[in-house]
């Protein structure tokens, strides 16, 4: 357990940050899942709409360091490939 006031404050800050990061990571996962489910359903219009909604969320989390920028790029690239495959 933290003994100093400074250490106690850092514990409070770390917990608050952890909670915020968890909720934001969950939001990214949900946005990606909506797009993936739309692709699986074969609905190109809905998949494109879900991807357009997910893209800014993914980018924002990468900017904030919640997820790695390469992971964000990979998710966007794969979703784009799946959506293009629907049209073919």
PDB file of N, CA and C in Angstrom:
ATOM      1  N   UNK A   1       0.847  -1.196   0.000  1.00  0.00           N
ATOM      2  CA  UNK A   1       0.000   0.000   0.000  1.00  0.00           C
ATOM      3  C   UNK A   1       0.880   1.242   0.000  1.00  0.00           C
ATOM      4  N   UNK A   2       0.394   2.262  -0.669  1.00  0.00           N
ATOM      5  CA  UNK A   2       1.138   3.515  -0.763  1.00  0.00           C
ATOM      6  C   UNK A   2       1.199   4.193   0.600  1.00  0.00           C
ATOM      7  N   UNK A   3       2.361   4.738   0.933  1.00  0.00           N
ATOM      8  CA  UNK A   3       2.552   5.382   2.235  1.00  0.00           C
ATOM      9  C   UNK A   3       2.507   6.899   2.168  1.00  0.00           C
ATOM     10  N   UNK A   4       3.063   7.464   1.116  1.00  0.00           N
ATOM     11  CA  UNK A   4       3.126   8.916   1.035  1.00  0.00           C
ATOM     12  C   UNK A   4       1.898   9.464   0.318  1.00  0.00           C
ATOM     13  N   UNK A   5       1.656  10.732   0.529  1.00  0.00           N
ATOM     14  CA  UNK A   5       0.523  11.388  -0.128  1.00  0.00           C
ATOM     15  C   UNK A   5       0.689  11.345  -1.639  1.00  0.00           C
ATOM     16  N   UNK A   6       1.921  11.520  -2.084  1.00  0.00           N
ATOM     17  CA  UNK A   6       2.208  11.496  -3.521  1.00  0.00           C
ATOM     18  C   UNK A   6       1.884  10.126  -4.112  1.00  0.00           C
ATOM     19  N   UNK A   7       2.289   9.076  -3.417  1.00  0.00           N
ATOM     20  CA  UNK A   7       2.046   7.718  -3.903  1.00  0.00           C
ATOM     21  C   UNK A   7       0.551   7.397  -3.907  1.00  0.00           C
ATOM     22  N   UNK A   8      -0.159   7.874  -2.892  1.00  0.00           N
ATOM     23  CA  UNK A   8      -1.606   7.649  -2.825  1.00  0.00           C
ATOM     24  C   UNK A   8      -2.308   8.341  -3.992  1.00  0.00           C
ATOM     25  N   UNK A   9      -1.857   9.548  -4.305  1.00  0.00           N
ATOM     26  CA  UNK A   9      -2.443  10.280  -5.419  1.00  0.00           C
ATOM     27  C   UNK A   9      -2.176   9.551  -6.740  1.00  0.00           C
ATOM     28  N   UNK A  10      -0.960   9.036  -6.906  1.00  0.00           N
ATOM     29  CA  UNK A  10      -0.624   8.305  -8.133  1.00  0.00           C
ATOM     30  C   UNK A  10      -1.486   7.047  -8.280  1.00  0.00           C
ATOM     31  N   UNK A  11      -1.811   6.402  -7.168  1.00  0.00           N
ATOM     32  CA  UNK A  11      -2.680   5.230  -7.204  1.00  0.00           C
ATOM     33  C   UNK A  11      -4.067   5.639  -7.689  1.00  0.00           C
ATOM     34  N   UNK A  12      -4.580   6.765  -7.169  1.00  0.00           N
ATOM     35  CA  UNK A  12      -5.895   7.259  -7.600  1.00  0.00           C
ATOM     36  C   UNK A  12      -5.872   7.614  -9.085  1.00  0.00           C
ATOM     37  N   UNK A  13      -4.817   8.286  -9.519  1.00  0.00           N
ATOM     38  CA  UNK A  13      -4.713   8.699 -10.921  1.00  0.00           C
ATOM     39  C   UNK A  13      -4.613   7.489 -11.851  1.00  0.00           C
ATOM     40  N   UNK A  14      -3.829   6.502 -11.437  1.00  0.00           N
ATOM     41  CA  UNK A  14      -3.652   5.311 -12.264  1.00  0.00           C
ATOM     42  C   UNK A  14      -4.971   4.566 -12.432  1.00  0.00           C
ATOM     43  N   UNK A  15      -5.750   4.467 -11.366  1.00  0.00           N
ATOM     44  CA  UNK A  15      -7.033   3.771 -11.439  1.00  0.00           C
ATOM     45  C   UNK A  15      -8.014   4.524 -12.340  1.00  0.00           C
ATOM     46  N   UNK A  16      -8.040   5.836 -12.216  1.00  0.00           N
ATOM     47  CA  UNK A  16      -8.926   6.647 -13.058  1.00  0.00           C
ATOM     48  C   UNK A  16      -8.536   6.496 -14.533  1.00  0.00           C
ATOM     49  N   UNK A  17      -7.246   6.516 -14.799  1.00  0.00           N
ATOM     50  CA  UNK A  17      -6.749   6.358 -16.162  1.00  0.00           C
ATOM     51  C   UNK A  17      -7.077   4.973 -16.702  1.00  0.00           C
ATOM     52  N   UNK A  18      -6.931   3.953 -15.872  1.00  0.00           N
ATOM     53  CA  UNK A  18      -7.221   2.581 -16.285  1.00  0.00           C
ATOM     54  C   UNK A  18      -8.688   2.418 -16.664  1.00  0.00           C
ATOM     55  N   UNK A  19      -9.567   2.992 -15.858  1.00  0.00           N
ATOM     56  CA  UNK A  19     -10.998   2.908 -16.135  1.00  0.00           C
ATOM     57  C   UNK A  19     -11.340   3.599 -17.459  1.00  0.00           C
ATOM     58  N   UNK A  20     -10.772   4.771 -17.679  1.00  0.00           N
ATOM     59  CA  UNK A  20     -11.025   5.519 -18.913  1.00  0.00           C
ATOM     60  C   UNK A  20     -10.504   4.756 -20.131  1.00  0.00           C
ATOM     61  N   UNK A  21      -9.284   4.218 -20.015  1.00  0.00           N
ATOM     62  CA  UNK A  21      -8.702   3.451 -21.115  1.00  0.00           C
ATOM     63  C   UNK A  21      -9.544   2.226 -21.439  1.00  0.00           C
ATOM     64  N   UNK A  22     -10.040   1.551 -20.400  1.00  0.00           N
ATOM     65  CA  UNK A  22     -10.864   0.361 -20.620  1.00  0.00           C
ATOM     66  C   UNK A  22     -12.130   0.709 -21.384  1.00  0.00           C
ATOM     67  N   UNK A  23     -12.788   1.788 -21.005  1.00  0.00           N
ATOM     68  CA  UNK A  23     -14.038   2.150 -21.676  1.00  0.00           C
ATOM     69  C   UNK A  23     -13.780   2.565 -23.125  1.00  0.00           C
ATOM     70  N   UNK A  24     -12.688   3.273 -23.360  1.00  0.00           N
ATOM     71  CA  UNK A  24     -12.373   3.691 -24.721  1.00  0.00           C
ATOM     72  C   UNK A  24     -11.974   2.501 -25.591  1.00  0.00           C
ATOM     73  N   UNK A  25     -11.221   1.554 -25.016  1.00  0.00           N
ATOM     74  CA  UNK A  25     -10.845   0.355 -25.755  1.00  0.00           C
ATOM     75  C   UNK A  25     -12.089  -0.460 -26.102  1.00  0.00           C
ATOM     76  N   UNK A  26     -13.030  -0.484 -25.179  1.00  0.00           N
ATOM     77  CA  UNK A  26     -14.286  -1.194 -25.412  1.00  0.00           C
ATOM     78  C   UNK A  26     -15.065  -0.536 -26.546  1.00  0.00           C
ATOM     79  N   UNK A  27     -15.065   0.780 -26.593  1.00  0.00           N
ATOM     80  CA  UNK A  27     -15.768   1.507 -27.655  1.00  0.00           C
ATOM     81  C   UNK A  27     -15.166   1.181 -29.022  1.00  0.00           C
ATOM     82  N   UNK A  28     -13.843   1.074 -29.090  1.00  0.00           N
ATOM     83  CA  UNK A  28     -13.179   0.729 -30.348  1.00  0.00           C
ATOM     84  C   UNK A  28     -13.575  -0.674 -30.777  1.00  0.00           C
ATOM     85  N   UNK A  29     -13.545  -1.603 -29.831  1.00  0.00           N
ATOM     86  CA  UNK A  29     -13.896  -2.990 -30.146  1.00  0.00           C
ATOM     87  C   UNK A  29     -15.341  -3.089 -30.637  1.00  0.00           C
ATOM     88  N   UNK A  30     -16.228  -2.348 -29.992  1.00  0.00           N
ATOM     89  CA  UNK A  30     -17.639  -2.369 -30.395  1.00  0.00           C
ATOM     90  C   UNK A  30     -17.822  -1.818 -31.806  1.00  0.00           C
ATOM     91  N   UNK A  31     -17.125  -0.734 -32.109  1.00  0.00           N
ATOM     92  CA  UNK A  31     -17.227  -0.127 -33.440  1.00  0.00           C
ATOM     93  C   UNK A  31     -16.715  -1.092 -34.509  1.00  0.00           C
ATOM     94  N   UNK A  32     -15.611  -1.762 -34.223  1.00  0.00           N
ATOM     95  CA  UNK A  32     -15.046  -2.724 -35.174  1.00  0.00           C
ATOM     96  C   UNK A  32     -15.996  -3.903 -35.347  1.00  0.00           C
ATOM     97  N   UNK A  33     -16.562  -4.365 -34.242  1.00  0.00           N
ATOM     98  CA  UNK A  33     -17.463  -5.516 -34.286  1.00  0.00           C
ATOM     99  C   UNK A  33     -18.714  -5.215 -35.114  1.00  0.00           C
ATOM    100  N   UNK A  34     -19.232  -3.989 -35.024  1.00  0.00           N
ATOM    101  CA  UNK A  34     -20.404  -3.615 -35.822  1.00  0.00           C
ATOM    102  C   UNK A  34     -20.084  -3.714 -37.313  1.00  0.00           C
ATOM    103  N   UNK A  35     -18.906  -3.232 -37.691  1.00  0.00           N
ATOM    104  CA  UNK A  35     -18.512  -3.282 -39.095  1.00  0.00           C
ATOM    105  C   UNK A  35     -18.303  -4.727 -39.545  1.00  0.00           C
ATOM    106  N   UNK A  36     -17.672  -5.532 -38.708  1.00  0.00           N
ATOM    107  CA  UNK A  36     -17.425  -6.939 -39.050  1.00  0.00           C
ATOM    108  C   UNK A  36     -18.740  -7.694 -39.201  1.00  0.00           C
ATOM    109  N   UNK A  37     -19.684  -7.434 -38.296  1.00  0.00           N
ATOM    110  CA  UNK A  37     -20.983  -8.112 -38.370  1.00  0.00           C
ATOM    111  C   UNK A  37     -21.756  -7.707 -39.626  1.00  0.00           C
ATOM    112  N   UNK A  38     -21.637  -6.444 -40.020  1.00  0.00           N
ATOM    113  CA  UNK A  38     -22.302  -5.982 -41.238  1.00  0.00           C
ATOM    114  C   UNK A  38     -21.691  -6.661 -42.460  1.00  0.00           C
ATOM    115  N   UNK A  39     -20.376  -6.837 -42.458  1.00  0.00           N
ATOM    116  CA  UNK A  39     -19.705  -7.522 -43.565  1.00  0.00           C
ATOM    117  C   UNK A  39     -20.153  -8.982 -43.597  1.00  0.00           C
ATOM    118  N   UNK A  40     -20.219  -9.607 -42.429  1.00  0.00           N
ATOM    119  CA  UNK A  40     -20.622 -11.023 -42.356  1.00  0.00           C
ATOM    120  C   UNK A  40     -22.059 -11.211 -42.849  1.00  0.00           C
ATOM    121  N   UNK A  41     -22.896 -10.199 -42.615  1.00  0.00           N
ATOM    122  CA  UNK A  41     -24.281 -10.267 -43.072  1.00  0.00           C
ATOM    123  C   UNK A  41     -24.395 -10.055 -44.585  1.00  0.00           C
ATOM    124  N   UNK A  42     -23.342  -9.517 -45.179  1.00  0.00           N
ATOM    125  CA  UNK A  42     -23.330  -9.311 -46.627  1.00  0.00           C
ATOM    126  C   UNK A  42     -23.978  -8.015 -47.063  1.00  0.00           C
ATOM    127  N   UNK A  43     -24.226  -7.119 -46.127  1.00  0.00           N
ATOM    128  CA  UNK A  43     -24.872  -5.834 -46.434  1.00  0.00           C
ATOM    129  C   UNK A  43     -23.791  -4.774 -46.642  1.00  0.00           C
ATOM    130  N   UNK A  44     -23.491  -4.480 -47.902  1.00  0.00           N
ATOM    131  CA  UNK A  44     -22.388  -3.558 -48.203  1.00  0.00           C
ATOM    132  C   UNK A  44     -22.671  -2.135 -47.721  1.00  0.00           C
ATOM    133  N   UNK A  45     -23.896  -1.654 -47.912  1.00  0.00           N
ATOM    134  CA  UNK A  45     -24.224  -0.286 -47.497  1.00  0.00           C
ATOM    135  C   UNK A  45     -24.096  -0.128 -45.985  1.00  0.00           C
ATOM    136  N   UNK A  46     -24.598  -1.097 -45.242  1.00  0.00           N
ATOM    137  CA  UNK A  46     -24.506  -1.032 -43.783  1.00  0.00           C
ATOM    138  C   UNK A  46     -23.055  -1.182 -43.333  1.00  0.00           C
ATOM    139  N   UNK A  47     -22.290  -2.029 -44.023  1.00  0.00           N
ATOM    140  CA  UNK A  47     -20.881  -2.229 -43.685  1.00  0.00           C
ATOM    141  C   UNK A  47     -20.088  -0.940 -43.904  1.00  0.00           C
ATOM    142  N   UNK A  48     -20.361  -0.256 -45.010  1.00  0.00           N
ATOM    143  CA  UNK A  48     -19.661   1.010 -45.280  1.00  0.00           C
ATOM    144  C   UNK A  48     -20.014   2.060 -44.241  1.00  0.00           C
ATOM    145  N   UNK A  49     -21.286   2.122 -43.853  1.00  0.00           N
ATOM    146  CA  UNK A  49     -21.704   3.090 -42.836  1.00  0.00           C
ATOM    147  C   UNK A  49     -21.048   2.785 -41.492  1.00  0.00           C
ATOM    148  N   UNK A  50     -20.994   1.505 -41.139  1.00  0.00           N
ATOM    149  CA  UNK A  50     -20.370   1.107 -39.871  1.00  0.00           C
ATOM    150  C   UNK A  50     -18.876   1.407 -39.897  1.00  0.00           C
ATOM    151  N   UNK A  51     -18.242   1.194 -41.046  1.00  0.00           N
ATOM    152  CA  UNK A  51     -16.813   1.472 -41.164  1.00  0.00           C
ATOM    153  C   UNK A  51     -16.533   2.974 -41.051  1.00  0.00           C
ATOM    154  N   UNK A  52     -17.394   3.777 -41.694  1.00  0.00           N
ATOM    155  CA  UNK A  52     -17.207   5.234 -41.607  1.00  0.00           C
ATOM    156  C   UNK A  52     -17.390   5.733 -40.182  1.00  0.00           C
ATOM    157  N   UNK A  53     -18.240   5.069 -39.410  1.00  0.00           N
ATOM    158  CA  UNK A  53     -18.418   5.437 -38.001  1.00  0.00           C
ATOM    159  C   UNK A  53     -17.249   4.939 -37.154  1.00  0.00           C
ATOM    160  N   UNK A  54     -16.682   3.794 -37.515  1.00  0.00           N
ATOM    161  CA  UNK A  54     -15.599   3.195 -36.722  1.00  0.00           C
ATOM    162  C   UNK A  54     -14.257   3.878 -36.969  1.00  0.00           C
ATOM    163  N   UNK A  55     -14.045   4.341 -38.181  1.00  0.00           N
ATOM    164  CA  UNK A  55     -12.743   4.884 -38.559  1.00  0.00           C
ATOM    165  C   UNK A  55     -12.271   6.041 -37.661  1.00  0.00           C
ATOM    166  N   UNK A  56     -13.088   7.063 -37.393  1.00  0.00           N
ATOM    167  CA  UNK A  56     -12.608   8.136 -36.517  1.00  0.00           C
ATOM    168  C   UNK A  56     -12.341   7.654 -35.095  1.00  0.00           C
ATOM    169  N   UNK A  57     -13.114   6.687 -34.631  1.00  0.00           N
ATOM    170  CA  UNK A  57     -12.909   6.146 -33.287  1.00  0.00           C
ATOM    171  C   UNK A  57     -11.569   5.425 -33.216  1.00  0.00           C
ATOM    172  N   UNK A  58     -11.284   4.625 -34.222  1.00  0.00           N
ATOM    173  CA  UNK A  58     -10.015   3.891 -34.269  1.00  0.00           C
ATOM    174  C   UNK A  58      -8.845   4.873 -34.314  1.00  0.00           C
ATOM    175  N   UNK A  59      -8.952   5.892 -35.173  1.00  0.00           N
ATOM    176  CA  UNK A  59      -7.877   6.878 -35.296  1.00  0.00           C
ATOM    177  C   UNK A  59      -7.656   7.644 -33.997  1.00  0.00           C
ATOM    178  N   UNK A  60      -8.735   8.010 -33.327  1.00  0.00           N
ATOM    179  CA  UNK A  60      -8.619   8.773 -32.081  1.00  0.00           C
ATOM    180  C   UNK A  60      -7.922   7.957 -31.000  1.00  0.00           C
ATOM    181  N   UNK A  61      -8.253   6.679 -30.917  1.00  0.00           N
ATOM    182  CA  UNK A  61      -7.636   5.833 -29.897  1.00  0.00           C
ATOM    183  C   UNK A  61      -6.154   5.589 -30.201  1.00  0.00           C
ATOM    184  N   UNK A  62      -5.815   5.528 -31.479  1.00  0.00           N
ATOM    185  CA  UNK A  62      -4.412   5.377 -31.857  1.00  0.00           C
ATOM    186  C   UNK A  62      -3.638   6.652 -31.513  1.00  0.00           C
ATOM    187  N   UNK A  63      -4.257   7.802 -31.753  1.00  0.00           N
ATOM    188  CA  UNK A  63      -3.620   9.080 -31.427  1.00  0.00           C
ATOM    189  C   UNK A  63      -3.365   9.211 -29.935  1.00  0.00           C
ATOM    190  N   UNK A  64      -4.311   8.736 -29.136  1.00  0.00           N
ATOM    191  CA  UNK A  64      -4.188   8.841 -27.682  1.00  0.00           C
ATOM    192  C   UNK A  64      -3.293   7.763 -27.079  1.00  0.00           C
ATOM    193  N   UNK A  65      -2.929   6.778 -27.893  1.00  0.00           N
ATOM    194  CA  UNK A  65      -2.047   5.725 -27.395  1.00  0.00           C
ATOM    195  C   UNK A  65      -2.791   4.582 -26.725  1.00  0.00           C
ATOM    196  N   UNK A  66      -4.115   4.546 -26.863  1.00  0.00           N
ATOM    197  CA  UNK A  66      -4.895   3.462 -26.280  1.00  0.00           C
ATOM    198  C   UNK A  66      -4.604   2.169 -27.044  1.00  0.00           C
ATOM    199  N   UNK A  67      -4.513   2.275 -28.370  1.00  0.00           N
ATOM    200  CA  UNK A  67      -4.072   1.154 -29.192  1.00  0.00           C
ATOM    201  C   UNK A  67      -2.909   1.633 -30.042  1.00  0.00           C
ATOM    202  N   UNK A  68      -2.096   0.687 -30.493  1.00  0.00           N
ATOM    203  CA  UNK A  68      -0.940   1.016 -31.307  1.00  0.00           C
ATOM    204  C   UNK A  68      -1.378   1.501 -32.683  1.00  0.00           C
ATOM    205  N   UNK A  69      -0.619   2.439 -33.266  1.00  0.00           N
ATOM    206  CA  UNK A  69      -0.997   3.002 -34.569  1.00  0.00           C
ATOM    207  C   UNK A  69      -0.987   1.946 -35.664  1.00  0.00           C
ATOM    208  N   UNK A  70      -0.093   0.977 -35.567  1.00  0.00           N
ATOM    209  CA  UNK A  70      -0.056  -0.089 -36.570  1.00  0.00           C
ATOM    210  C   UNK A  70      -1.265  -1.012 -36.441  1.00  0.00           C
ATOM    211  N   UNK A  71      -1.708  -1.233 -35.221  1.00  0.00           N
ATOM    212  CA  UNK A  71      -2.903  -2.047 -35.013  1.00  0.00           C
ATOM    213  C   UNK A  71      -4.123  -1.335 -35.604  1.00  0.00           C
ATOM    214  N   UNK A  72      -4.189  -0.026 -35.416  1.00  0.00           N
ATOM    215  CA  UNK A  72      -5.293   0.759 -35.970  1.00  0.00           C
ATOM    216  C   UNK A  72      -5.279   0.672 -37.497  1.00  0.00           C
ATOM    217  N   UNK A  73      -4.099   0.816 -38.088  1.00  0.00           N
ATOM    218  CA  UNK A  73      -3.979   0.741 -39.540  1.00  0.00           C
ATOM    219  C   UNK A  73      -4.370  -0.643 -40.044  1.00  0.00           C
ATOM    220  N   UNK A  74      -3.983  -1.667 -39.307  1.00  0.00           N
ATOM    221  CA  UNK A  74      -4.310  -3.043 -39.706  1.00  0.00           C
ATOM    222  C   UNK A  74      -5.819  -3.270 -39.688  1.00  0.00           C
ATOM    223  N   UNK A  75      -6.489  -2.804 -38.642  1.00  0.00           N
ATOM    224  CA  UNK A  75      -7.943  -2.952 -38.551  1.00  0.00           C
ATOM    225  C   UNK A  75      -8.633  -2.241 -39.717  1.00  0.00           C
ATOM    226  N   UNK A  76      -8.220  -1.010 -39.983  1.00  0.00           N
ATOM    227  CA  UNK A  76      -8.844  -0.251 -41.064  1.00  0.00           C
ATOM    228  C   UNK A  76      -8.598  -0.909 -42.416  1.00  0.00           C
ATOM    229  N   UNK A  77      -7.383  -1.393 -42.631  1.00  0.00           N
ATOM    230  CA  UNK A  77      -7.038  -2.027 -43.893  1.00  0.00           C
ATOM    231  C   UNK A  77      -7.851  -3.298 -44.108  1.00  0.00           C
ATOM    232  N   UNK A  78      -7.962  -4.127 -43.091  1.00  0.00           N
ATOM    233  CA  UNK A  78      -8.687  -5.383 -43.230  1.00  0.00           C
ATOM    234  C   UNK A  78     -10.183  -5.143 -43.429  1.00  0.00           C
ATOM    235  N   UNK A  79     -10.727  -4.175 -42.703  1.00  0.00           N
ATOM    236  CA  UNK A  79     -12.145  -3.870 -42.891  1.00  0.00           C
ATOM    237  C   UNK A  79     -12.403  -3.374 -44.312  1.00  0.00           C
ATOM    238  N   UNK A  80     -11.513  -2.532 -44.808  1.00  0.00           N
ATOM    239  CA  UNK A  80     -11.649  -2.013 -46.170  1.00  0.00           C
ATOM    240  C   UNK A  80     -11.603  -3.153 -47.184  1.00  0.00           C
ATOM    241  N   UNK A  81     -10.679  -4.097 -46.991  1.00  0.00           N
ATOM    242  CA  UNK A  81     -10.575  -5.239 -47.903  1.00  0.00           C
ATOM    243  C   UNK A  81     -11.857  -6.064 -47.892  1.00  0.00           C
ATOM    244  N   UNK A  82     -12.402  -6.305 -46.720  1.00  0.00           N
ATOM    245  CA  UNK A  82     -13.629  -7.101 -46.619  1.00  0.00           C
ATOM    246  C   UNK A  82     -14.810  -6.391 -47.284  1.00  0.00           C
ATOM    247  N   UNK A  83     -14.895  -5.086 -47.102  1.00  0.00           N
ATOM    248  CA  UNK A  83     -15.990  -4.328 -47.706  1.00  0.00           C
ATOM    249  C   UNK A  83     -15.861  -4.318 -49.226  1.00  0.00           C
ATOM    250  N   UNK A  84     -14.641  -4.154 -49.728  1.00  0.00           N
ATOM    251  CA  UNK A  84     -14.441  -4.183 -51.187  1.00  0.00           C
ATOM    252  C   UNK A  84     -14.775  -5.546 -51.760  1.00  0.00           C
ATOM    253  N   UNK A  85     -14.488  -6.592 -51.004  1.00  0.00           N
ATOM    254  CA  UNK A  85     -14.779  -7.951 -51.472  1.00  0.00           C
ATOM    255  C   UNK A  85     -16.282  -8.186 -51.610  1.00  0.00           C
ATOM    256  N   UNK A  86     -17.087  -7.467 -50.812  1.00  0.00           N
ATOM    257  CA  UNK A  86     -18.529  -7.598 -50.916  1.00  0.00           C
ATOM    258  C   UNK A  86     -19.039  -7.123 -52.277  1.00  0.00           C
ATOM    259  N   UNK A  87     -18.416  -6.088 -52.799  1.00  0.00           N
ATOM    260  CA  UNK A  87     -18.860  -5.526 -54.066  1.00  0.00           C
ATOM    261  C   UNK A  87     -18.493  -6.369 -55.271  1.00  0.00           C
ATOM    262  N   UNK A  88     -17.446  -7.178 -55.120  1.00  0.00           N
ATOM    263  CA  UNK A  88     -16.965  -7.969 -56.258  1.00  0.00           C
ATOM    264  C   UNK A  88     -17.800  -9.202 -56.522  1.00  0.00           C
TER     265      UNK A  88
END
